[in-house]
């Protein structure tokens, strides 16, 4: 998964989770489904523009980013099902766990990565090392995305509380 895959997966996930009622959004099945759909959406949206895969994947294989789907499912699903939004250590722990699992699940399906290293003397070692190097990036991006989402929710709650108190103040003044 490359940087644009992260961004489009985050955007799709945010849209799916934002419009879901809280009773549904808190269900783990919904979280994993939303994560899977975010990966699928990212792969579909980026397919026509995926020049890296078109350049590295052998011509007899598809250049569709199938690896993005299992990656996003594990990456976003594991994280949002397990993390405690109020605890920074919990968020960091689950970001690391979900990133490691995500890149491990993605690797067998990543035709672009295998294609890039097909002429290397140690194909598997090169592919695994490249994958491991992406874990810190994945952790940082996931924590940033979660912080962004937490900030939006807190901002919305503050605005709603402000409006509610304003309405109550106006109704008591008019009596």
N, C-alpha and C. Protein backbone atom coordinates (compact mmCIF):
# COMPACT_ATOMS: atom_id res chain seq x y z
N UNK A 1 0.85 -1.17 0.00
CA UNK A 1 0.00 0.00 0.00
C UNK A 1 0.90 1.23 0.00
N UNK A 2 0.60 2.17 -0.86
CA UNK A 2 1.39 3.38 -0.99
C UNK A 2 0.63 4.54 -0.35
N UNK A 3 1.24 5.70 -0.28
CA UNK A 3 0.67 6.82 0.49
C UNK A 3 -0.72 7.23 0.05
N UNK A 4 -0.97 7.27 -1.24
CA UNK A 4 -2.30 7.66 -1.71
C UNK A 4 -3.35 6.62 -1.31
N UNK A 5 -2.95 5.37 -1.21
CA UNK A 5 -3.86 4.32 -0.73
C UNK A 5 -4.29 4.60 0.71
N UNK A 6 -3.35 5.05 1.54
CA UNK A 6 -3.68 5.39 2.92
C UNK A 6 -4.73 6.50 2.95
N UNK A 7 -4.48 7.55 2.20
CA UNK A 7 -5.37 8.72 2.23
C UNK A 7 -6.77 8.36 1.76
N UNK A 8 -6.86 7.64 0.65
CA UNK A 8 -8.19 7.29 0.14
C UNK A 8 -8.90 6.29 1.06
N UNK A 9 -8.14 5.39 1.67
CA UNK A 9 -8.75 4.46 2.64
C UNK A 9 -9.27 5.22 3.86
N UNK A 10 -8.48 6.16 4.35
CA UNK A 10 -8.92 6.96 5.50
C UNK A 10 -10.17 7.77 5.16
N UNK A 11 -10.18 8.37 3.98
CA UNK A 11 -11.34 9.18 3.58
C UNK A 11 -12.60 8.31 3.47
N UNK A 12 -12.48 7.17 2.84
CA UNK A 12 -13.64 6.28 2.70
C UNK A 12 -14.10 5.77 4.06
N UNK A 13 -13.15 5.40 4.91
CA UNK A 13 -13.49 4.92 6.26
C UNK A 13 -14.19 6.01 7.05
N UNK A 14 -13.68 7.22 6.97
CA UNK A 14 -14.27 8.34 7.71
C UNK A 14 -15.72 8.58 7.26
N UNK A 15 -15.96 8.55 5.98
CA UNK A 15 -17.32 8.76 5.46
C UNK A 15 -18.25 7.65 5.96
N UNK A 16 -17.79 6.40 5.85
CA UNK A 16 -18.63 5.27 6.28
C UNK A 16 -18.96 5.34 7.77
N UNK A 17 -17.97 5.64 8.59
CA UNK A 17 -18.17 5.65 10.04
C UNK A 17 -18.94 6.90 10.48
N UNK A 18 -18.71 8.01 9.82
CA UNK A 18 -19.36 9.27 10.21
C UNK A 18 -20.88 9.23 10.03
N UNK A 19 -21.33 8.55 9.00
CA UNK A 19 -22.76 8.55 8.72
C UNK A 19 -23.51 7.39 9.37
N UNK A 20 -22.79 6.53 10.06
CA UNK A 20 -23.43 5.39 10.72
C UNK A 20 -23.93 5.83 12.10
N UNK A 21 -25.11 5.38 12.48
CA UNK A 21 -25.58 5.67 13.84
C UNK A 21 -24.63 5.06 14.86
N UNK A 22 -24.50 5.68 16.02
CA UNK A 22 -23.56 5.23 17.06
C UNK A 22 -23.80 3.78 17.45
N UNK A 23 -25.05 3.36 17.49
CA UNK A 23 -25.35 1.97 17.87
C UNK A 23 -24.77 0.97 16.88
N UNK A 24 -24.69 1.34 15.62
CA UNK A 24 -24.12 0.47 14.60
C UNK A 24 -22.61 0.65 14.53
N UNK A 25 -22.14 1.89 14.60
CA UNK A 25 -20.71 2.18 14.45
C UNK A 25 -19.86 1.54 15.53
N UNK A 26 -20.43 1.27 16.69
CA UNK A 26 -19.65 0.68 17.77
C UNK A 26 -19.55 -0.85 17.66
N UNK A 27 -20.28 -1.45 16.75
CA UNK A 27 -20.25 -2.90 16.56
C UNK A 27 -18.99 -3.31 15.80
N UNK A 28 -18.30 -4.34 16.28
CA UNK A 28 -17.05 -4.77 15.65
C UNK A 28 -17.27 -5.26 14.22
N UNK A 29 -18.42 -5.89 13.95
CA UNK A 29 -18.70 -6.35 12.58
C UNK A 29 -18.79 -5.16 11.64
N UNK A 30 -19.41 -4.09 12.11
CA UNK A 30 -19.49 -2.89 11.28
C UNK A 30 -18.10 -2.30 11.05
N UNK A 31 -17.28 -2.26 12.09
CA UNK A 31 -15.93 -1.68 11.97
C UNK A 31 -15.09 -2.45 10.95
N UNK A 32 -15.13 -3.78 11.01
CA UNK A 32 -14.38 -4.58 10.04
C UNK A 32 -14.95 -4.43 8.64
N UNK A 33 -16.26 -4.36 8.53
CA UNK A 33 -16.90 -4.17 7.21
C UNK A 33 -16.55 -2.81 6.63
N UNK A 34 -16.59 -1.78 7.46
CA UNK A 34 -16.23 -0.43 7.01
C UNK A 34 -14.77 -0.39 6.58
N UNK A 35 -13.91 -1.07 7.32
CA UNK A 35 -12.49 -1.11 6.97
C UNK A 35 -12.28 -1.82 5.63
N UNK A 36 -12.99 -2.93 5.43
CA UNK A 36 -12.89 -3.68 4.18
C UNK A 36 -13.40 -2.84 3.01
N UNK A 37 -14.54 -2.18 3.20
CA UNK A 37 -15.08 -1.32 2.15
C UNK A 37 -14.17 -0.13 1.86
N UNK A 38 -13.50 0.38 2.89
CA UNK A 38 -12.55 1.48 2.69
C UNK A 38 -11.40 1.02 1.81
N UNK A 39 -10.89 -0.19 2.05
CA UNK A 39 -9.82 -0.73 1.22
C UNK A 39 -10.27 -0.98 -0.21
N UNK A 40 -11.46 -1.53 -0.36
CA UNK A 40 -12.01 -1.79 -1.70
C UNK A 40 -12.23 -0.47 -2.45
N UNK A 41 -12.78 0.52 -1.77
CA UNK A 41 -13.00 1.83 -2.38
C UNK A 41 -11.68 2.44 -2.84
N UNK A 42 -10.68 2.36 -1.98
CA UNK A 42 -9.36 2.90 -2.33
C UNK A 42 -8.79 2.20 -3.56
N UNK A 43 -8.88 0.89 -3.59
CA UNK A 43 -8.34 0.13 -4.73
C UNK A 43 -9.07 0.49 -6.03
N UNK A 44 -10.38 0.64 -5.95
CA UNK A 44 -11.17 0.97 -7.15
C UNK A 44 -10.88 2.39 -7.63
N UNK A 45 -10.86 3.34 -6.68
CA UNK A 45 -10.64 4.75 -7.05
C UNK A 45 -9.26 4.95 -7.65
N UNK A 46 -8.26 4.29 -7.09
CA UNK A 46 -6.88 4.51 -7.55
C UNK A 46 -6.46 3.63 -8.72
N UNK A 47 -7.25 2.63 -9.06
CA UNK A 47 -6.88 1.69 -10.12
C UNK A 47 -6.44 2.36 -11.42
N UNK A 48 -7.19 3.33 -11.93
CA UNK A 48 -6.76 3.92 -13.21
C UNK A 48 -5.47 4.73 -13.10
N UNK A 49 -5.12 5.17 -11.91
CA UNK A 49 -3.96 6.05 -11.72
C UNK A 49 -2.75 5.34 -11.12
N UNK A 50 -2.82 4.04 -10.93
CA UNK A 50 -1.78 3.30 -10.23
C UNK A 50 -0.61 2.98 -11.15
N UNK A 51 0.22 3.97 -11.38
CA UNK A 51 1.35 3.83 -12.29
C UNK A 51 2.43 2.90 -11.75
N UNK A 52 2.60 2.85 -10.42
CA UNK A 52 3.61 1.98 -9.83
C UNK A 52 3.29 0.53 -10.14
N UNK A 53 2.06 0.13 -9.91
CA UNK A 53 1.69 -1.26 -10.18
C UNK A 53 1.75 -1.57 -11.68
N UNK A 54 1.34 -0.62 -12.50
CA UNK A 54 1.39 -0.85 -13.95
C UNK A 54 2.82 -1.03 -14.44
N UNK A 55 3.76 -0.36 -13.77
CA UNK A 55 5.17 -0.44 -14.19
C UNK A 55 5.88 -1.66 -13.61
N UNK A 56 5.42 -2.19 -12.49
CA UNK A 56 6.17 -3.26 -11.82
C UNK A 56 5.53 -4.64 -11.91
N UNK A 57 4.23 -4.71 -12.11
CA UNK A 57 3.55 -6.00 -12.14
C UNK A 57 3.73 -6.61 -13.53
N UNK A 58 4.11 -7.88 -13.60
CA UNK A 58 4.25 -8.54 -14.91
C UNK A 58 2.94 -8.46 -15.71
N UNK A 59 3.07 -8.41 -17.02
CA UNK A 59 1.92 -8.19 -17.89
C UNK A 59 0.86 -9.29 -17.82
N UNK A 60 1.23 -10.47 -17.34
CA UNK A 60 0.25 -11.56 -17.26
C UNK A 60 -0.54 -11.54 -15.94
N UNK A 61 -0.33 -10.53 -15.11
CA UNK A 61 -1.04 -10.41 -13.83
C UNK A 61 -1.84 -9.11 -13.80
N UNK A 62 -2.86 -9.09 -12.95
CA UNK A 62 -3.68 -7.88 -12.82
C UNK A 62 -2.93 -6.80 -12.04
N UNK A 63 -3.18 -5.57 -12.39
CA UNK A 63 -2.58 -4.45 -11.66
C UNK A 63 -3.55 -3.87 -10.64
N UNK A 64 -4.69 -4.53 -10.46
CA UNK A 64 -5.65 -4.08 -9.44
C UNK A 64 -5.02 -4.29 -8.06
N UNK A 65 -5.12 -3.32 -7.19
CA UNK A 65 -4.47 -3.33 -5.87
C UNK A 65 -5.23 -4.21 -4.88
N UNK A 66 -5.27 -5.50 -5.15
CA UNK A 66 -5.99 -6.42 -4.26
C UNK A 66 -5.43 -6.41 -2.85
N UNK A 67 -4.15 -6.13 -2.70
CA UNK A 67 -3.53 -6.15 -1.37
C UNK A 67 -4.05 -5.05 -0.46
N UNK A 68 -4.61 -4.01 -1.04
CA UNK A 68 -5.14 -2.90 -0.23
C UNK A 68 -6.34 -3.34 0.60
N UNK A 69 -7.12 -4.28 0.10
CA UNK A 69 -8.34 -4.71 0.80
C UNK A 69 -8.02 -5.46 2.09
N UNK A 70 -7.20 -6.51 2.07
CA UNK A 70 -6.89 -7.16 3.35
C UNK A 70 -6.08 -6.26 4.28
N UNK A 71 -5.23 -5.40 3.70
CA UNK A 71 -4.47 -4.48 4.55
C UNK A 71 -5.41 -3.56 5.31
N UNK A 72 -6.30 -2.88 4.60
CA UNK A 72 -7.21 -1.93 5.25
C UNK A 72 -8.13 -2.62 6.24
N UNK A 73 -8.57 -3.83 5.91
CA UNK A 73 -9.45 -4.57 6.81
C UNK A 73 -8.77 -4.82 8.15
N UNK A 74 -7.54 -5.28 8.11
CA UNK A 74 -6.81 -5.54 9.37
C UNK A 74 -6.35 -4.24 10.02
N UNK A 75 -5.81 -3.35 9.24
CA UNK A 75 -5.23 -2.10 9.72
C UNK A 75 -6.27 -1.24 10.43
N UNK A 76 -7.36 -0.95 9.77
CA UNK A 76 -8.40 -0.11 10.36
C UNK A 76 -9.32 -0.91 11.28
N UNK A 77 -9.63 -2.15 10.90
CA UNK A 77 -10.54 -2.96 11.69
C UNK A 77 -9.99 -3.29 13.06
N UNK A 78 -8.80 -3.87 13.12
CA UNK A 78 -8.20 -4.22 14.41
C UNK A 78 -8.04 -2.99 15.29
N UNK A 79 -7.58 -1.90 14.69
CA UNK A 79 -7.32 -0.70 15.47
C UNK A 79 -8.60 -0.14 16.10
N UNK A 80 -9.61 0.09 15.29
CA UNK A 80 -10.81 0.76 15.80
C UNK A 80 -11.70 -0.13 16.65
N UNK A 81 -11.56 -1.44 16.52
CA UNK A 81 -12.31 -2.35 17.38
C UNK A 81 -11.69 -2.42 18.77
N UNK A 82 -10.37 -2.33 18.85
CA UNK A 82 -9.67 -2.60 20.10
C UNK A 82 -9.17 -1.38 20.87
N UNK A 83 -8.84 -0.29 20.22
CA UNK A 83 -8.22 0.83 20.91
C UNK A 83 -9.20 1.55 21.82
N UNK A 84 -8.65 2.15 22.88
CA UNK A 84 -9.43 3.01 23.78
C UNK A 84 -9.12 4.44 23.34
N UNK A 85 -10.11 5.14 22.82
CA UNK A 85 -9.90 6.48 22.28
C UNK A 85 -9.40 7.47 23.31
N UNK A 86 -9.64 7.20 24.59
CA UNK A 86 -9.22 8.12 25.64
C UNK A 86 -7.81 7.83 26.15
N UNK A 87 -7.20 6.74 25.74
CA UNK A 87 -5.90 6.32 26.25
C UNK A 87 -4.84 6.34 25.15
N UNK A 88 -3.86 7.22 25.29
CA UNK A 88 -2.79 7.29 24.29
C UNK A 88 -1.98 6.00 24.24
N UNK A 89 -1.60 5.38 25.38
CA UNK A 89 -0.87 4.11 25.29
C UNK A 89 -1.67 3.02 24.55
N UNK A 90 -2.97 2.99 24.77
CA UNK A 90 -3.81 2.02 24.07
C UNK A 90 -3.82 2.30 22.58
N UNK A 91 -3.93 3.54 22.21
CA UNK A 91 -3.95 3.91 20.80
C UNK A 91 -2.63 3.55 20.11
N UNK A 92 -1.50 3.82 20.79
CA UNK A 92 -0.19 3.50 20.21
C UNK A 92 -0.03 1.98 20.09
N UNK A 93 -0.38 1.25 21.16
CA UNK A 93 -0.26 -0.21 21.13
C UNK A 93 -1.06 -0.81 19.98
N UNK A 94 -2.31 -0.40 19.85
CA UNK A 94 -3.15 -1.00 18.81
C UNK A 94 -2.78 -0.49 17.42
N UNK A 95 -2.19 0.70 17.31
CA UNK A 95 -1.70 1.17 16.01
C UNK A 95 -0.53 0.29 15.55
N UNK A 96 0.37 -0.05 16.48
CA UNK A 96 1.50 -0.92 16.14
C UNK A 96 1.00 -2.31 15.77
N UNK A 97 0.12 -2.88 16.59
CA UNK A 97 -0.40 -4.23 16.33
C UNK A 97 -1.12 -4.28 14.99
N UNK A 98 -2.02 -3.34 14.76
CA UNK A 98 -2.80 -3.37 13.51
C UNK A 98 -1.92 -3.11 12.29
N UNK A 99 -0.90 -2.28 12.43
CA UNK A 99 0.01 -2.03 11.32
C UNK A 99 0.83 -3.26 10.97
N UNK A 100 1.36 -3.94 12.00
CA UNK A 100 2.15 -5.16 11.77
C UNK A 100 1.28 -6.24 11.12
N UNK A 101 0.09 -6.45 11.66
CA UNK A 101 -0.80 -7.46 11.09
C UNK A 101 -1.20 -7.07 9.67
N UNK A 102 -1.51 -5.79 9.47
CA UNK A 102 -1.91 -5.33 8.14
C UNK A 102 -0.85 -5.56 7.08
N UNK A 103 0.40 -5.19 7.38
CA UNK A 103 1.45 -5.38 6.37
C UNK A 103 1.76 -6.86 6.17
N UNK A 104 1.62 -7.67 7.23
CA UNK A 104 1.86 -9.11 7.09
C UNK A 104 0.79 -9.76 6.21
N UNK A 105 -0.44 -9.35 6.38
CA UNK A 105 -1.54 -9.90 5.58
C UNK A 105 -1.47 -9.40 4.14
N UNK A 106 -1.01 -8.20 3.96
CA UNK A 106 -0.94 -7.59 2.63
C UNK A 106 0.15 -8.22 1.75
N UNK A 107 1.26 -8.55 2.34
CA UNK A 107 2.45 -8.96 1.57
C UNK A 107 2.19 -10.06 0.53
N UNK A 108 1.51 -11.14 0.86
CA UNK A 108 1.31 -12.18 -0.17
C UNK A 108 0.51 -11.71 -1.38
N UNK A 109 -0.32 -10.70 -1.19
CA UNK A 109 -1.18 -10.21 -2.28
C UNK A 109 -0.58 -9.03 -3.05
N UNK A 110 0.56 -8.51 -2.60
CA UNK A 110 1.12 -7.29 -3.17
C UNK A 110 1.96 -7.59 -4.40
N UNK A 111 1.29 -7.67 -5.55
CA UNK A 111 1.96 -8.00 -6.81
C UNK A 111 3.00 -6.95 -7.19
N UNK A 112 2.77 -5.69 -6.82
CA UNK A 112 3.72 -4.63 -7.15
C UNK A 112 5.03 -4.84 -6.40
N UNK A 113 4.95 -5.19 -5.13
CA UNK A 113 6.16 -5.40 -4.34
C UNK A 113 6.95 -6.61 -4.88
N UNK A 114 6.25 -7.69 -5.16
CA UNK A 114 6.93 -8.87 -5.71
C UNK A 114 7.50 -8.55 -7.09
N UNK A 115 6.79 -7.73 -7.86
CA UNK A 115 7.27 -7.35 -9.18
C UNK A 115 8.52 -6.48 -9.12
N UNK A 116 8.58 -5.58 -8.15
CA UNK A 116 9.75 -4.71 -8.01
C UNK A 116 11.02 -5.50 -7.72
N UNK A 117 10.87 -6.59 -6.99
CA UNK A 117 12.04 -7.36 -6.57
C UNK A 117 12.23 -8.67 -7.33
N UNK A 118 11.53 -8.85 -8.43
CA UNK A 118 11.61 -10.13 -9.14
C UNK A 118 13.01 -10.42 -9.68
N UNK A 119 13.82 -9.39 -9.90
CA UNK A 119 15.19 -9.61 -10.40
C UNK A 119 16.23 -9.57 -9.29
N UNK A 120 15.81 -9.36 -8.05
CA UNK A 120 16.75 -9.33 -6.93
C UNK A 120 17.19 -10.75 -6.58
N UNK A 121 18.38 -10.85 -6.01
CA UNK A 121 18.89 -12.18 -5.66
C UNK A 121 18.10 -12.81 -4.52
N UNK A 122 17.61 -12.01 -3.61
CA UNK A 122 16.80 -12.50 -2.50
C UNK A 122 15.44 -11.79 -2.53
N UNK A 123 14.57 -12.27 -3.36
CA UNK A 123 13.27 -11.64 -3.58
C UNK A 123 12.48 -11.55 -2.28
N UNK A 124 12.35 -12.65 -1.57
CA UNK A 124 11.53 -12.68 -0.35
C UNK A 124 12.10 -11.77 0.71
N UNK A 125 13.41 -11.80 0.91
CA UNK A 125 14.04 -10.94 1.91
C UNK A 125 13.83 -9.47 1.58
N UNK A 126 14.00 -9.12 0.33
CA UNK A 126 13.81 -7.73 -0.10
C UNK A 126 12.37 -7.28 0.11
N UNK A 127 11.42 -8.11 -0.26
CA UNK A 127 10.01 -7.76 -0.11
C UNK A 127 9.63 -7.62 1.37
N UNK A 128 10.12 -8.54 2.20
CA UNK A 128 9.80 -8.49 3.63
C UNK A 128 10.43 -7.25 4.26
N UNK A 129 11.68 -6.95 3.94
CA UNK A 129 12.35 -5.77 4.52
C UNK A 129 11.64 -4.48 4.12
N UNK A 130 11.21 -4.38 2.88
CA UNK A 130 10.48 -3.20 2.43
C UNK A 130 9.15 -3.08 3.19
N UNK A 131 8.52 -4.19 3.43
CA UNK A 131 7.26 -4.21 4.16
C UNK A 131 7.46 -3.77 5.61
N UNK A 132 8.49 -4.31 6.25
CA UNK A 132 8.77 -3.97 7.65
C UNK A 132 9.08 -2.48 7.79
N UNK A 133 9.76 -1.92 6.83
CA UNK A 133 10.10 -0.50 6.89
C UNK A 133 8.88 0.41 6.83
N UNK A 134 7.77 -0.12 6.34
CA UNK A 134 6.55 0.69 6.24
C UNK A 134 5.75 0.74 7.54
N UNK A 135 6.07 -0.11 8.50
CA UNK A 135 5.30 -0.16 9.75
C UNK A 135 5.31 1.18 10.48
N UNK A 136 6.48 1.84 10.68
CA UNK A 136 6.44 3.13 11.38
C UNK A 136 5.58 4.18 10.67
N UNK A 137 5.62 4.20 9.34
CA UNK A 137 4.77 5.12 8.58
C UNK A 137 3.30 4.81 8.82
N UNK A 138 2.96 3.53 8.76
CA UNK A 138 1.56 3.12 8.97
C UNK A 138 1.09 3.49 10.37
N UNK A 139 1.93 3.29 11.38
CA UNK A 139 1.57 3.64 12.76
C UNK A 139 1.33 5.14 12.87
N UNK A 140 2.24 5.93 12.36
CA UNK A 140 2.11 7.38 12.44
C UNK A 140 0.88 7.91 11.72
N UNK A 141 0.62 7.38 10.54
CA UNK A 141 -0.55 7.83 9.78
C UNK A 141 -1.85 7.43 10.47
N UNK A 142 -1.89 6.24 11.03
CA UNK A 142 -3.10 5.79 11.72
C UNK A 142 -3.37 6.63 12.96
N UNK A 143 -2.33 6.93 13.73
CA UNK A 143 -2.51 7.77 14.91
C UNK A 143 -2.95 9.19 14.52
N UNK A 144 -2.39 9.71 13.43
CA UNK A 144 -2.79 11.03 12.96
C UNK A 144 -4.25 11.03 12.50
N UNK A 145 -4.64 9.99 11.74
CA UNK A 145 -6.03 9.88 11.28
C UNK A 145 -6.99 9.78 12.47
N UNK A 146 -6.64 8.97 13.46
CA UNK A 146 -7.50 8.83 14.64
C UNK A 146 -7.59 10.14 15.41
N UNK A 147 -6.48 10.83 15.56
CA UNK A 147 -6.49 12.12 16.27
C UNK A 147 -7.37 13.12 15.53
N UNK A 148 -7.30 13.10 14.22
CA UNK A 148 -8.14 13.97 13.38
C UNK A 148 -9.62 13.65 13.63
N UNK A 149 -9.96 12.37 13.67
CA UNK A 149 -11.35 11.96 13.91
C UNK A 149 -11.81 12.32 15.31
N UNK A 150 -10.94 12.13 16.29
CA UNK A 150 -11.29 12.50 17.67
C UNK A 150 -11.50 14.00 17.77
N UNK A 151 -10.65 14.77 17.11
CA UNK A 151 -10.80 16.23 17.11
C UNK A 151 -12.10 16.68 16.48
N UNK A 152 -12.51 16.04 15.40
CA UNK A 152 -13.77 16.39 14.75
C UNK A 152 -14.95 16.07 15.68
N UNK A 153 -14.91 14.89 16.32
CA UNK A 153 -16.00 14.53 17.23
C UNK A 153 -16.09 15.48 18.42
N UNK A 154 -14.95 15.84 19.00
CA UNK A 154 -14.95 16.76 20.15
C UNK A 154 -15.45 18.14 19.73
N UNK A 155 -15.06 18.56 18.55
CA UNK A 155 -15.52 19.86 18.04
C UNK A 155 -17.03 19.85 17.84
N UNK A 156 -17.55 18.76 17.29
CA UNK A 156 -19.00 18.65 17.08
C UNK A 156 -19.74 18.62 18.41
N UNK A 157 -19.21 17.91 19.40
CA UNK A 157 -19.84 17.86 20.72
C UNK A 157 -19.85 19.23 21.37
N UNK A 158 -18.75 19.97 21.24
CA UNK A 158 -18.66 21.31 21.81
C UNK A 158 -19.67 22.24 21.15
N UNK A 159 -19.79 22.15 19.84
CA UNK A 159 -20.74 23.00 19.13
C UNK A 159 -22.17 22.67 19.54
N UNK A 160 -22.48 21.40 19.68
CA UNK A 160 -23.83 21.00 20.06
C UNK A 160 -24.13 21.48 21.48
N UNK A 161 -23.19 21.33 22.41
CA UNK A 161 -23.39 21.79 23.77
C UNK A 161 -23.57 23.30 23.80
N UNK A 162 -22.79 24.01 23.02
CA UNK A 162 -22.90 25.46 23.00
C UNK A 162 -24.27 25.86 22.49
N UNK A 163 -24.74 25.23 21.44
CA UNK A 163 -26.05 25.55 20.90
C UNK A 163 -27.16 25.21 21.90
N UNK A 164 -27.03 24.10 22.57
CA UNK A 164 -28.05 23.70 23.54
C UNK A 164 -28.11 24.69 24.70
N UNK A 165 -26.97 25.12 25.21
CA UNK A 165 -26.97 26.09 26.32
C UNK A 165 -27.49 27.44 25.84
N UNK A 166 -27.17 27.78 24.63
CA UNK A 166 -27.66 29.04 24.08
C UNK A 166 -29.18 29.02 23.96
N UNK A 167 -29.73 27.91 23.53
CA UNK A 167 -31.19 27.77 23.40
C UNK A 167 -31.85 27.84 24.78
N UNK A 168 -31.27 27.15 25.74
CA UNK A 168 -31.83 27.18 27.09
C UNK A 168 -31.78 28.59 27.67
N UNK A 169 -30.69 29.30 27.44
CA UNK A 169 -30.56 30.67 27.94
C UNK A 169 -31.63 31.57 27.30
N UNK A 170 -31.85 31.40 26.01
CA UNK A 170 -32.84 32.22 25.31
C UNK A 170 -34.26 31.91 25.78
N UNK A 171 -34.56 30.67 26.07
CA UNK A 171 -35.91 30.33 26.50
C UNK A 171 -36.18 30.86 27.92
N UNK A 172 -35.17 30.85 28.79
CA UNK A 172 -35.39 31.37 30.14
C UNK A 172 -35.48 32.89 30.14
N UNK A 173 -34.77 33.56 29.24
CA UNK A 173 -34.83 35.02 29.15
C UNK A 173 -36.18 35.49 28.58
N UNK A 174 -36.78 34.73 27.73
CA UNK A 174 -38.04 35.17 27.10
C UNK A 174 -39.24 34.97 28.00
N UNK A 175 -39.08 34.20 29.09
CA UNK A 175 -40.21 33.98 29.99
C UNK A 175 -40.33 35.13 30.88
